[in-house]
Amino acid sequence: MTSGIRTIIFPVKDLAAAKSFYGTLLGTEPYADQPYYVGFRPAGAPEVGLDPNGHAQGMTGPVTFWHVPDIAAALAEMLAAGAEEQQPVRDVGGGTLTATIRDADGNVTGLFQAP
C-alpha cells in the first residue's frame, strides 16, 4: 500500500529559528524555503519539513507521512481498519495531497500522494 515513510513534518512556531536549527542538524540547506513550508532533503533520510501553520491545524508534534499512490483509497482502507480521520485529504500545493489519521491509541499518521 505504501512506498514507505518519506516525509516527516514538524510544526514550528518560529520558522526562522527552526530553519537554522534543522539546517545545522541536517547539515544541508533547504530545497524549499517559503513562508508556509521549509523542506530539507538530507542524504539517506526522509524529507524533513517545517510547517509554521502546523500547530494551528492541530499538530502537537512531528508527523510521519507514508507515501501512497492513491490517497483516497489508502484513507478508506485505514478508516475501515479502525483509524479515525484527523484531517481530510487536502491539496497542500502543486497537486500534492495529504491527510492525517489517528490510530486507536491516538497516534497521528500522515498519508501523502505526490502529484
PDB file of N, CA and C in Angstrom:
ATOM      1  N   MET A   1       0.809  -1.190   0.000  1.00  0.00           N
ATOM      2  CA  MET A   1       0.000   0.000   0.000  1.00  0.00           C
ATOM      3  C   MET A   1       0.857   1.261   0.000  1.00  0.00           C
ATOM      4  N   THR A   2       2.030   1.260   0.649  1.00  0.00           N
ATOM      5  CA  THR A   2       2.845   2.470   0.720  1.00  0.00           C
ATOM      6  C   THR A   2       4.206   2.239   0.096  1.00  0.00           C
ATOM      7  N   SER A   3       4.880   3.338  -0.162  1.00  0.00           N
ATOM      8  CA  SER A   3       6.278   3.237  -0.592  1.00  0.00           C
ATOM      9  C   SER A   3       7.190   3.682   0.543  1.00  0.00           C
ATOM     10  N   GLY A   4       6.670   3.694   1.759  1.00  0.00           N
ATOM     11  CA  GLY A   4       7.468   3.970   2.939  1.00  0.00           C
ATOM     12  C   GLY A   4       7.302   5.379   3.468  1.00  0.00           C
ATOM     13  N   ILE A   5       7.914   5.594   4.629  1.00  0.00           N
ATOM     14  CA  ILE A   5       7.934   6.928   5.226  1.00  0.00           C
ATOM     15  C   ILE A   5       8.983   7.724   4.482  1.00  0.00           C
ATOM     16  N   ARG A   6       8.533   8.773   3.816  1.00  0.00           N
ATOM     17  CA  ARG A   6       9.470   9.569   3.033  1.00  0.00           C
ATOM     18  C   ARG A   6       9.436  11.035   3.419  1.00  0.00           C
ATOM     19  N   THR A   7       8.545  11.403   4.359  1.00  0.00           N
ATOM     20  CA  THR A   7       8.440  12.789   4.789  1.00  0.00           C
ATOM     21  C   THR A   7       8.099  12.828   6.277  1.00  0.00           C
ATOM     22  N   ILE A   8       8.766  13.694   7.015  1.00  0.00           N
ATOM     23  CA  ILE A   8       8.447  13.968   8.414  1.00  0.00           C
ATOM     24  C   ILE A   8       8.266  15.472   8.528  1.00  0.00           C
ATOM     25  N   ILE A   9       7.105  15.893   9.026  1.00  0.00           N
ATOM     26  CA  ILE A   9       6.827  17.323   9.135  1.00  0.00           C
ATOM     27  C   ILE A   9       6.720  17.713  10.604  1.00  0.00           C
ATOM     28  N   PHE A  10       7.429  18.774  10.951  1.00  0.00           N
ATOM     29  CA  PHE A  10       7.426  19.317  12.300  1.00  0.00           C
ATOM     30  C   PHE A  10       6.622  20.614  12.322  1.00  0.00           C
ATOM     31  N   PRO A  11       5.679  20.749  13.258  1.00  0.00           N
ATOM     32  CA  PRO A  11       5.029  22.048  13.420  1.00  0.00           C
ATOM     33  C   PRO A  11       6.007  22.973  14.143  1.00  0.00           C
ATOM     34  N   VAL A  12       6.141  24.195  13.679  1.00  0.00           N
ATOM     35  CA  VAL A  12       7.085  25.136  14.307  1.00  0.00           C
ATOM     36  C   VAL A  12       6.396  26.476  14.519  1.00  0.00           C
ATOM     37  N   LYS A  13       6.819  27.179  15.556  1.00  0.00           N
ATOM     38  CA  LYS A  13       6.259  28.499  15.843  1.00  0.00           C
ATOM     39  C   LYS A  13       7.138  29.607  15.283  1.00  0.00           C
ATOM     40  N   ASP A  14       8.447  29.389  15.282  1.00  0.00           N
ATOM     41  CA  ASP A  14       9.392  30.385  14.775  1.00  0.00           C
ATOM     42  C   ASP A  14      10.129  29.745  13.595  1.00  0.00           C
ATOM     43  N   LEU A  15       9.649  30.035  12.397  1.00  0.00           N
ATOM     44  CA  LEU A  15      10.178  29.377  11.203  1.00  0.00           C
ATOM     45  C   LEU A  15      11.662  29.677  10.994  1.00  0.00           C
ATOM     46  N   ALA A  16      12.082  30.919  11.221  1.00  0.00           N
ATOM     47  CA  ALA A  16      13.495  31.278  11.024  1.00  0.00           C
ATOM     48  C   ALA A  16      14.396  30.506  11.987  1.00  0.00           C
ATOM     49  N   ALA A  17      13.996  30.431  13.247  1.00  0.00           N
ATOM     50  CA  ALA A  17      14.799  29.701  14.238  1.00  0.00           C
ATOM     51  C   ALA A  17      14.833  28.211  13.915  1.00  0.00           C
ATOM     52  N   ALA A  18      13.682  27.667  13.522  1.00  0.00           N
ATOM     53  CA  ALA A  18      13.623  26.244  13.187  1.00  0.00           C
ATOM     54  C   ALA A  18      14.459  25.946  11.950  1.00  0.00           C
ATOM     55  N   LYS A  19      14.417  26.835  10.959  1.00  0.00           N
ATOM     56  CA  LYS A  19      15.209  26.638   9.741  1.00  0.00           C
ATOM     57  C   LYS A  19      16.699  26.598  10.076  1.00  0.00           C
ATOM     58  N   SER A  20      17.133  27.485  10.949  1.00  0.00           N
ATOM     59  CA  SER A  20      18.533  27.497  11.360  1.00  0.00           C
ATOM     60  C   SER A  20      18.899  26.213  12.110  1.00  0.00           C
ATOM     61  N   PHE A  21      18.045  25.817  13.057  1.00  0.00           N
ATOM     62  CA  PHE A  21      18.297  24.618  13.849  1.00  0.00           C
ATOM     63  C   PHE A  21      18.369  23.372  12.973  1.00  0.00           C
ATOM     64  N   TYR A  22      17.337  23.148  12.140  1.00  0.00           N
ATOM     65  CA  TYR A  22      17.296  21.927  11.330  1.00  0.00           C
ATOM     66  C   TYR A  22      18.339  21.949  10.220  1.00  0.00           C
ATOM     67  N   GLY A  23      18.657  23.121   9.700  1.00  0.00           N
ATOM     68  CA  GLY A  23      19.740  23.214   8.719  1.00  0.00           C
ATOM     69  C   GLY A  23      21.061  22.760   9.311  1.00  0.00           C
ATOM     70  N   THR A  24      21.312  23.192  10.549  1.00  0.00           N
ATOM     71  CA  THR A  24      22.539  22.784  11.244  1.00  0.00           C
ATOM     72  C   THR A  24      22.501  21.293  11.568  1.00  0.00           C
ATOM     73  N   LEU A  25      21.389  20.834  12.122  1.00  0.00           N
ATOM     74  CA  LEU A  25      21.251  19.426  12.488  1.00  0.00           C
ATOM     75  C   LEU A  25      21.424  18.507  11.281  1.00  0.00           C
ATOM     76  N   LEU A  26      20.796  18.864  10.166  1.00  0.00           N
ATOM     77  CA  LEU A  26      20.807  18.012   8.980  1.00  0.00           C
ATOM     78  C   LEU A  26      22.010  18.249   8.080  1.00  0.00           C
ATOM     79  N   GLY A  27      22.731  19.336   8.315  1.00  0.00           N
ATOM     80  CA  GLY A  27      23.928  19.627   7.530  1.00  0.00           C
ATOM     81  C   GLY A  27      23.635  19.966   6.086  1.00  0.00           C
ATOM     82  N   THR A  28      22.489  20.606   5.826  1.00  0.00           N
ATOM     83  CA  THR A  28      22.112  20.944   4.451  1.00  0.00           C
ATOM     84  C   THR A  28      21.228  22.186   4.444  1.00  0.00           C
ATOM     85  N   GLU A  29      21.191  22.826   3.312  1.00  0.00           N
ATOM     86  CA  GLU A  29      20.311  23.971   3.110  1.00  0.00           C
ATOM     87  C   GLU A  29      18.946  23.459   2.649  1.00  0.00           C
ATOM     88  N   PRO A  30      17.893  24.217   2.896  1.00  0.00           N
ATOM     89  CA  PRO A  30      16.574  23.774   2.426  1.00  0.00           C
ATOM     90  C   PRO A  30      16.469  23.809   0.910  1.00  0.00           C
ATOM     91  N   TYR A  31      15.747  22.856   0.358  1.00  0.00           N
ATOM     92  CA  TYR A  31      15.461  22.866  -1.085  1.00  0.00           C
ATOM     93  C   TYR A  31      14.210  23.705  -1.348  1.00  0.00           C
ATOM     94  N   ALA A  32      13.335  23.814  -0.346  1.00  0.00           N
ATOM     95  CA  ALA A  32      12.128  24.645  -0.432  1.00  0.00           C
ATOM     96  C   ALA A  32      12.169  25.603   0.739  1.00  0.00           C
ATOM     97  N   ASP A  33      11.990  26.886   0.465  1.00  0.00           N
ATOM     98  CA  ASP A  33      12.070  27.887   1.525  1.00  0.00           C
ATOM     99  C   ASP A  33      10.996  28.941   1.279  1.00  0.00           C
ATOM    100  N   GLN A  34       9.803  28.636   1.784  1.00  0.00           N
ATOM    101  CA  GLN A  34       8.649  29.510   1.610  1.00  0.00           C
ATOM    102  C   GLN A  34       8.093  29.889   2.985  1.00  0.00           C
ATOM    103  N   PRO A  35       7.316  30.958   3.076  1.00  0.00           N
ATOM    104  CA  PRO A  35       6.741  31.346   4.367  1.00  0.00           C
ATOM    105  C   PRO A  35       5.799  30.299   4.955  1.00  0.00           C
ATOM    106  N   TYR A  36       5.270  29.405   4.111  1.00  0.00           N
ATOM    107  CA  TYR A  36       4.326  28.384   4.565  1.00  0.00           C
ATOM    108  C   TYR A  36       4.955  26.993   4.709  1.00  0.00           C
ATOM    109  N   TYR A  37       6.217  26.807   4.272  1.00  0.00           N
ATOM    110  CA  TYR A  37       6.858  25.489   4.347  1.00  0.00           C
ATOM    111  C   TYR A  37       8.339  25.626   4.030  1.00  0.00           C
ATOM    112  N   VAL A  38       9.154  24.984   4.840  1.00  0.00           N
ATOM    113  CA  VAL A  38      10.583  24.865   4.560  1.00  0.00           C
ATOM    114  C   VAL A  38      10.887  23.375   4.539  1.00  0.00           C
ATOM    115  N   GLY A  39      11.522  22.918   3.469  1.00  0.00           N
ATOM    116  CA  GLY A  39      11.799  21.492   3.322  1.00  0.00           C
ATOM    117  C   GLY A  39      13.270  21.211   3.105  1.00  0.00           C
ATOM    118  N   PHE A  40      13.750  20.170   3.770  1.00  0.00           N
ATOM    119  CA  PHE A  40      15.139  19.710   3.646  1.00  0.00           C
ATOM    120  C   PHE A  40      15.124  18.288   3.103  1.00  0.00           C
ATOM    121  N   ARG A  41      16.116  17.965   2.301  1.00  0.00           N
ATOM    122  CA  ARG A  41      16.283  16.597   1.809  1.00  0.00           C
ATOM    123  C   ARG A  41      17.682  16.105   2.182  1.00  0.00           C
ATOM    124  N   PRO A  42      17.844  15.674   3.436  1.00  0.00           N
ATOM    125  CA  PRO A  42      19.149  15.177   3.858  1.00  0.00           C
ATOM    126  C   PRO A  42      19.468  13.837   3.203  1.00  0.00           C
ATOM    127  N   ALA A  43      20.716  13.643   2.879  1.00  0.00           N
ATOM    128  CA  ALA A  43      21.141  12.403   2.221  1.00  0.00           C
ATOM    129  C   ALA A  43      20.799  11.198   3.091  1.00  0.00           C
ATOM    130  N   GLY A  44      20.179  10.204   2.468  1.00  0.00           N
ATOM    131  CA  GLY A  44      19.899   8.940   3.149  1.00  0.00           C
ATOM    132  C   GLY A  44      18.787   8.988   4.177  1.00  0.00           C
ATOM    133  N   ALA A  45      18.009  10.062   4.212  1.00  0.00           N
ATOM    134  CA  ALA A  45      16.949  10.186   5.213  1.00  0.00           C
ATOM    135  C   ALA A  45      15.682  10.711   4.552  1.00  0.00           C
ATOM    136  N   PRO A  46      14.533  10.551   5.219  1.00  0.00           N
ATOM    137  CA  PRO A  46      13.299  11.130   4.674  1.00  0.00           C
ATOM    138  C   PRO A  46      13.388  12.655   4.621  1.00  0.00           C
ATOM    139  N   GLU A  47      12.539  13.251   3.807  1.00  0.00           N
ATOM    140  CA  GLU A  47      12.438  14.705   3.768  1.00  0.00           C
ATOM    141  C   GLU A  47      12.001  15.199   5.146  1.00  0.00           C
ATOM    142  N   VAL A  48      12.576  16.302   5.583  1.00  0.00           N
ATOM    143  CA  VAL A  48      12.178  16.945   6.831  1.00  0.00           C
ATOM    144  C   VAL A  48      11.546  18.275   6.462  1.00  0.00           C
ATOM    145  N   GLY A  49      10.286  18.449   6.871  1.00  0.00           N
ATOM    146  CA  GLY A  49       9.569  19.670   6.577  1.00  0.00           C
ATOM    147  C   GLY A  49       9.233  20.435   7.839  1.00  0.00           C
ATOM    148  N   LEU A  50       9.196  21.757   7.707  1.00  0.00           N
ATOM    149  CA  LEU A  50       8.832  22.639   8.811  1.00  0.00           C
ATOM    150  C   LEU A  50       7.554  23.366   8.419  1.00  0.00           C
ATOM    151  N   ASP A  51       6.515  23.250   9.242  1.00  0.00           N
ATOM    152  CA  ASP A  51       5.212  23.842   8.933  1.00  0.00           C
ATOM    153  C   ASP A  51       4.857  24.882   9.991  1.00  0.00           C
ATOM    154  N   PRO A  52       4.939  26.181   9.647  1.00  0.00           N
ATOM    155  CA  PRO A  52       4.613  27.209  10.627  1.00  0.00           C
ATOM    156  C   PRO A  52       3.116  27.296  10.940  1.00  0.00           C
ATOM    157  N   ASN A  53       2.291  26.591  10.181  1.00  0.00           N
ATOM    158  CA  ASN A  53       0.847  26.566  10.434  1.00  0.00           C
ATOM    159  C   ASN A  53       0.412  25.269  11.109  1.00  0.00           C
ATOM    160  N   GLY A  54       1.367  24.404  11.394  1.00  0.00           N
ATOM    161  CA  GLY A  54       1.044  23.085  11.931  1.00  0.00           C
ATOM    162  C   GLY A  54       0.299  23.106  13.252  1.00  0.00           C
ATOM    163  N   HIS A  55       0.747  23.938  14.193  1.00  0.00           N
ATOM    164  CA  HIS A  55       0.071  23.984  15.493  1.00  0.00           C
ATOM    165  C   HIS A  55      -1.383  24.426  15.336  1.00  0.00           C
ATOM    166  N   ALA A  56      -1.630  25.412  14.474  1.00  0.00           N
ATOM    167  CA  ALA A  56      -2.993  25.904  14.250  1.00  0.00           C
ATOM    168  C   ALA A  56      -3.880  24.843  13.607  1.00  0.00           C
ATOM    169  N   GLN A  57      -3.262  23.864  12.943  1.00  0.00           N
ATOM    170  CA  GLN A  57      -4.015  22.789  12.291  1.00  0.00           C
ATOM    171  C   GLN A  57      -4.101  21.539  13.165  1.00  0.00           C
ATOM    172  N   GLY A  58      -3.697  21.664  14.434  1.00  0.00           N
ATOM    173  CA  GLY A  58      -3.841  20.554  15.371  1.00  0.00           C
ATOM    174  C   GLY A  58      -2.629  19.670  15.531  1.00  0.00           C
ATOM    175  N   MET A  59      -1.508  19.994  14.879  1.00  0.00           N
ATOM    176  CA  MET A  59      -0.298  19.183  15.053  1.00  0.00           C
ATOM    177  C   MET A  59       0.288  19.467  16.435  1.00  0.00           C
ATOM    178  N   THR A  60       0.592  18.419  17.183  1.00  0.00           N
ATOM    179  CA  THR A  60       1.179  18.577  18.511  1.00  0.00           C
ATOM    180  C   THR A  60       2.625  18.104  18.543  1.00  0.00           C
ATOM    181  N   GLY A  61       3.097  17.578  17.447  1.00  0.00           N
ATOM    182  CA  GLY A  61       4.462  17.085  17.337  1.00  0.00           C
ATOM    183  C   GLY A  61       4.704  16.651  15.915  1.00  0.00           C
ATOM    184  N   PRO A  62       5.881  16.070  15.647  1.00  0.00           N
ATOM    185  CA  PRO A  62       6.184  15.648  14.281  1.00  0.00           C
ATOM    186  C   PRO A  62       5.211  14.574  13.799  1.00  0.00           C
ATOM    187  N   VAL A  63       4.926  14.617  12.498  1.00  0.00           N
ATOM    188  CA  VAL A  63       4.048  13.620  11.878  1.00  0.00           C
ATOM    189  C   VAL A  63       4.822  12.967  10.736  1.00  0.00           C
ATOM    190  N   THR A  64       4.843  11.638  10.751  1.00  0.00           N
ATOM    191  CA  THR A  64       5.456  10.904   9.647  1.00  0.00           C
ATOM    192  C   THR A  64       4.409  10.705   8.566  1.00  0.00           C
ATOM    193  N   PHE A  65       4.820  10.924   7.328  1.00  0.00           N
ATOM    194  CA  PHE A  65       3.909  10.784   6.194  1.00  0.00           C
ATOM    195  C   PHE A  65       4.332   9.600   5.336  1.00  0.00           C
ATOM    196  N   TRP A  66       3.417   8.656   5.203  1.00  0.00           N
ATOM    197  CA  TRP A  66       3.605   7.497   4.351  1.00  0.00           C
ATOM    198  C   TRP A  66       3.163   7.883   2.946  1.00  0.00           C
ATOM    199  N   HIS A  67       4.017   7.671   1.977  1.00  0.00           N
ATOM    200  CA  HIS A  67       3.696   7.999   0.588  1.00  0.00           C
ATOM    201  C   HIS A  67       2.890   6.863  -0.016  1.00  0.00           C
ATOM    202  N   VAL A  68       1.779   7.237  -0.644  1.00  0.00           N
ATOM    203  CA  VAL A  68       0.854   6.263  -1.226  1.00  0.00           C
ATOM    204  C   VAL A  68       0.517   6.684  -2.659  1.00  0.00           C
ATOM    205  N   PRO A  69       0.202   5.717  -3.517  1.00  0.00           N
ATOM    206  CA  PRO A  69      -0.141   6.071  -4.898  1.00  0.00           C
ATOM    207  C   PRO A  69      -1.552   6.639  -5.050  1.00  0.00           C
ATOM    208  N   ASP A  70      -2.476   6.264  -4.150  1.00  0.00           N
ATOM    209  CA  ASP A  70      -3.868   6.706  -4.236  1.00  0.00           C
ATOM    210  C   ASP A  70      -4.346   7.037  -2.822  1.00  0.00           C
ATOM    211  N   ILE A  71      -4.304   8.317  -2.476  1.00  0.00           N
ATOM    212  CA  ILE A  71      -4.598   8.721  -1.095  1.00  0.00           C
ATOM    213  C   ILE A  71      -6.038   8.429  -0.688  1.00  0.00           C
ATOM    214  N   ALA A  72      -6.982   8.586  -1.608  1.00  0.00           N
ATOM    215  CA  ALA A  72      -8.386   8.319  -1.279  1.00  0.00           C
ATOM    216  C   ALA A  72      -8.578   6.847  -0.927  1.00  0.00           C
ATOM    217  N   ALA A  73      -7.982   5.967  -1.713  1.00  0.00           N
ATOM    218  CA  ALA A  73      -8.097   4.530  -1.447  1.00  0.00           C
ATOM    219  C   ALA A  73      -7.384   4.159  -0.149  1.00  0.00           C
ATOM    220  N   ALA A  74      -6.195   4.730   0.079  1.00  0.00           N
ATOM    221  CA  ALA A  74      -5.447   4.434   1.296  1.00  0.00           C
ATOM    222  C   ALA A  74      -6.210   4.921   2.528  1.00  0.00           C
ATOM    223  N   LEU A  75      -6.780   6.114   2.437  1.00  0.00           N
ATOM    224  CA  LEU A  75      -7.555   6.643   3.562  1.00  0.00           C
ATOM    225  C   LEU A  75      -8.759   5.755   3.853  1.00  0.00           C
ATOM    226  N   ALA A  76      -9.463   5.337   2.824  1.00  0.00           N
ATOM    227  CA  ALA A  76     -10.620   4.447   3.006  1.00  0.00           C
ATOM    228  C   ALA A  76     -10.210   3.145   3.678  1.00  0.00           C
ATOM    229  N   GLU A  77      -9.075   2.589   3.256  1.00  0.00           N
ATOM    230  CA  GLU A  77      -8.582   1.344   3.862  1.00  0.00           C
ATOM    231  C   GLU A  77      -8.260   1.538   5.335  1.00  0.00           C
ATOM    232  N   MET A  78      -7.605   2.658   5.646  1.00  0.00           N
ATOM    233  CA  MET A  78      -7.214   2.910   7.036  1.00  0.00           C
ATOM    234  C   MET A  78      -8.440   3.143   7.915  1.00  0.00           C
ATOM    235  N   LEU A  79      -9.435   3.847   7.403  1.00  0.00           N
ATOM    236  CA  LEU A  79     -10.660   4.068   8.170  1.00  0.00           C
ATOM    237  C   LEU A  79     -11.380   2.740   8.406  1.00  0.00           C
ATOM    238  N   ALA A  80     -11.390   1.875   7.405  1.00  0.00           N
ATOM    239  CA  ALA A  80     -12.001   0.547   7.548  1.00  0.00           C
ATOM    240  C   ALA A  80     -11.247  -0.304   8.561  1.00  0.00           C
ATOM    241  N   ALA A  81      -9.950  -0.026   8.721  1.00  0.00           N
ATOM    242  CA  ALA A  81      -9.130  -0.783   9.665  1.00  0.00           C
ATOM    243  C   ALA A  81      -9.176  -0.201  11.075  1.00  0.00           C
ATOM    244  N   GLY A  82     -10.005   0.844  11.273  1.00  0.00           N
ATOM    245  CA  GLY A  82     -10.186   1.381  12.616  1.00  0.00           C
ATOM    246  C   GLY A  82      -9.581   2.740  12.872  1.00  0.00           C
ATOM    247  N   ALA A  83      -8.959   3.341  11.884  1.00  0.00           N
ATOM    248  CA  ALA A  83      -8.390   4.676  12.074  1.00  0.00           C
ATOM    249  C   ALA A  83      -9.508   5.711  12.144  1.00  0.00           C
ATOM    250  N   GLU A  84      -9.189   6.850  12.721  1.00  0.00           N
ATOM    251  CA  GLU A  84     -10.104   7.991  12.779  1.00  0.00           C
ATOM    252  C   GLU A  84      -9.489   9.121  11.966  1.00  0.00           C
ATOM    253  N   GLU A  85     -10.263   9.730  11.123  1.00  0.00           N
ATOM    254  CA  GLU A  85      -9.751  10.833  10.308  1.00  0.00           C
ATOM    255  C   GLU A  85      -9.495  12.049  11.189  1.00  0.00           C
ATOM    256  N   GLN A  86      -8.286  12.577  11.109  1.00  0.00           N
ATOM    257  CA  GLN A  86      -7.966  13.805  11.827  1.00  0.00           C
ATOM    258  C   GLN A  86      -8.105  14.997  10.881  1.00  0.00           C
ATOM    259  N   GLN A  87      -7.497  14.872   9.709  1.00  0.00           N
ATOM    260  CA  GLN A  87      -7.599  15.927   8.705  1.00  0.00           C
ATOM    261  C   GLN A  87      -7.891  15.266   7.366  1.00  0.00           C
ATOM    262  N   PRO A  88      -8.951  15.679   6.691  1.00  0.00           N
ATOM    263  CA  PRO A  88      -9.299  15.045   5.419  1.00  0.00           C
ATOM    264  C   PRO A  88      -8.268  15.351   4.333  1.00  0.00           C
ATOM    265  N   VAL A  89      -8.391  14.677   3.225  1.00  0.00           N
ATOM    266  CA  VAL A  89      -7.492  14.898   2.089  1.00  0.00           C
ATOM    267  C   VAL A  89      -7.586  16.360   1.668  1.00  0.00           C
ATOM    268  N   ARG A  90      -6.416  16.970   1.480  1.00  0.00           N
ATOM    269  CA  ARG A  90      -6.382  18.352   1.004  1.00  0.00           C
ATOM    270  C   ARG A  90      -5.148  18.558   0.141  1.00  0.00           C
ATOM    271  N   ASP A  91      -5.265  19.485  -0.772  1.00  0.00           N
ATOM    272  CA  ASP A  91      -4.159  19.848  -1.653  1.00  0.00           C
ATOM    273  C   ASP A  91      -3.323  20.882  -0.913  1.00  0.00           C
ATOM    274  N   VAL A  92      -2.055  20.563  -0.657  1.00  0.00           N
ATOM    275  CA  VAL A  92      -1.186  21.483   0.073  1.00  0.00           C
ATOM    276  C   VAL A  92      -0.305  22.288  -0.875  1.00  0.00           C
ATOM    277  N   GLY A  93      -0.570  22.174  -2.163  1.00  0.00           N
ATOM    278  CA  GLY A  93       0.157  22.957  -3.155  1.00  0.00           C
ATOM    279  C   GLY A  93       0.688  22.100  -4.279  1.00  0.00           C
ATOM    280  N   GLY A  94       0.490  22.570  -5.494  1.00  0.00           N
ATOM    281  CA  GLY A  94       1.044  21.890  -6.653  1.00  0.00           C
ATOM    282  C   GLY A  94       0.491  20.508  -6.908  1.00  0.00           C
ATOM    283  N   GLY A  95      -0.681  20.214  -6.373  1.00  0.00           N
ATOM    284  CA  GLY A  95      -1.260  18.890  -6.572  1.00  0.00           C
ATOM    285  C   GLY A  95      -0.829  17.862  -5.551  1.00  0.00           C
ATOM    286  N   THR A  96       0.004  18.236  -4.589  1.00  0.00           N
ATOM    287  CA  THR A  96       0.402  17.328  -3.517  1.00  0.00           C
ATOM    288  C   THR A  96      -0.759  17.202  -2.544  1.00  0.00           C
ATOM    289  N   LEU A  97      -1.173  15.970  -2.268  1.00  0.00           N
ATOM    290  CA  LEU A  97      -2.304  15.712  -1.382  1.00  0.00           C
ATOM    291  C   LEU A  97      -1.830  15.092  -0.072  1.00  0.00           C
ATOM    292  N   THR A  98      -2.400  15.565   1.035  1.00  0.00           N
ATOM    293  CA  THR A  98      -2.100  14.971   2.335  1.00  0.00           C
ATOM    294  C   THR A  98      -3.385  14.755   3.115  1.00  0.00           C
ATOM    295  N   ALA A  99      -3.321  13.865   4.086  1.00  0.00           N
ATOM    296  CA  ALA A  99      -4.400  13.624   5.045  1.00  0.00           C
ATOM    297  C   ALA A  99      -3.730  13.086   6.298  1.00  0.00           C
ATOM    298  N   THR A 100      -4.371  13.254   7.438  1.00  0.00           N
ATOM    299  CA  THR A 100      -3.843  12.656   8.665  1.00  0.00           C
ATOM    300  C   THR A 100      -4.945  11.861   9.344  1.00  0.00           C
ATOM    301  N   ILE A 101      -4.512  10.790  10.006  1.00  0.00           N
ATOM    302  CA  ILE A 101      -5.405   9.881  10.711  1.00  0.00           C
ATOM    303  C   ILE A 101      -4.833   9.604  12.093  1.00  0.00           C
ATOM    304  N   ARG A 102      -5.684   9.112  12.975  1.00  0.00           N
ATOM    305  CA  ARG A 102      -5.263   8.684  14.312  1.00  0.00           C
ATOM    306  C   ARG A 102      -5.570   7.195  14.456  1.00  0.00           C
ATOM    307  N   ASP A 103      -4.634   6.489  15.084  1.00  0.00           N
ATOM    308  CA  ASP A 103      -4.914   5.084  15.374  1.00  0.00           C
ATOM    309  C   ASP A 103      -5.703   5.002  16.681  1.00  0.00           C
ATOM    310  N   ALA A 104      -5.998   3.805  17.133  1.00  0.00           N
ATOM    311  CA  ALA A 104      -6.813   3.598  18.334  1.00  0.00           C
ATOM    312  C   ALA A 104      -6.168   4.178  19.591  1.00  0.00           C
ATOM    313  N   ASP A 105      -4.858   4.376  19.569  1.00  0.00           N
ATOM    314  CA  ASP A 105      -4.158   4.939  20.718  1.00  0.00           C
ATOM    315  C   ASP A 105      -3.951   6.441  20.605  1.00  0.00           C
ATOM    316  N   GLY A 106      -4.465   7.044  19.543  1.00  0.00           N
ATOM    317  CA  GLY A 106      -4.340   8.487  19.362  1.00  0.00           C
ATOM    318  C   GLY A 106      -3.096   8.933  18.625  1.00  0.00           C
ATOM    319  N   ASN A 107      -2.291   7.993  18.143  1.00  0.00           N
ATOM    320  CA  ASN A 107      -1.083   8.348  17.400  1.00  0.00           C
ATOM    321  C   ASN A 107      -1.470   8.860  16.014  1.00  0.00           C
ATOM    322  N   VAL A 108      -0.848   9.953  15.607  1.00  0.00           N
ATOM    323  CA  VAL A 108      -1.161  10.571  14.320  1.00  0.00           C
ATOM    324  C   VAL A 108      -0.207  10.057  13.260  1.00  0.00           C
ATOM    325  N   THR A 109      -0.768   9.708  12.116  1.00  0.00           N
ATOM    326  CA  THR A 109      -0.009   9.259  10.953  1.00  0.00           C
ATOM    327  C   THR A 109      -0.505  10.040   9.754  1.00  0.00           C
ATOM    328  N   GLY A 110       0.410  10.383   8.860  1.00  0.00           N
ATOM    329  CA  GLY A 110       0.036  11.108   7.668  1.00  0.00           C
ATOM    330  C   GLY A 110       0.081  10.226   6.431  1.00  0.00           C
ATOM    331  N   LEU A 111      -0.759  10.561   5.476  1.00  0.00           N
ATOM    332  CA  LEU A 111      -0.737   9.952   4.146  1.00  0.00           C
ATOM    333  C   LEU A 111      -0.383  11.056   3.154  1.00  0.00           C
ATOM    334  N   PHE A 112       0.416  10.723   2.159  1.00  0.00           N
ATOM    335  CA  PHE A 112       0.960  11.707   1.233  1.00  0.00           C
ATOM    336  C   PHE A 112       0.894  11.144  -0.171  1.00  0.00           C
ATOM    337  N   GLN A 113       0.302  11.899  -1.087  1.00  0.00           N
ATOM    338  CA  GLN A 113       0.274  11.491  -2.501  1.00  0.00           C
ATOM    339  C   GLN A 113       0.917  12.599  -3.327  1.00  0.00           C
ATOM    340  N   ALA A 114       1.994  12.263  -4.016  1.00  0.00           N
ATOM    341  CA  ALA A 114       2.669  13.210  -4.883  1.00  0.00           C
ATOM    342  C   ALA A 114       1.828  13.449  -6.139  1.00  0.00           C
ATOM    343  N   PRO A 115       1.982  14.622  -6.756  1.00  0.00           N
ATOM    344  CA  PRO A 115       1.214  14.900  -7.982  1.00  0.00           C
ATOM    345  C   PRO A 115       1.631  13.993  -9.128  1.00  0.00           C
TER     346      PRO A 115
END
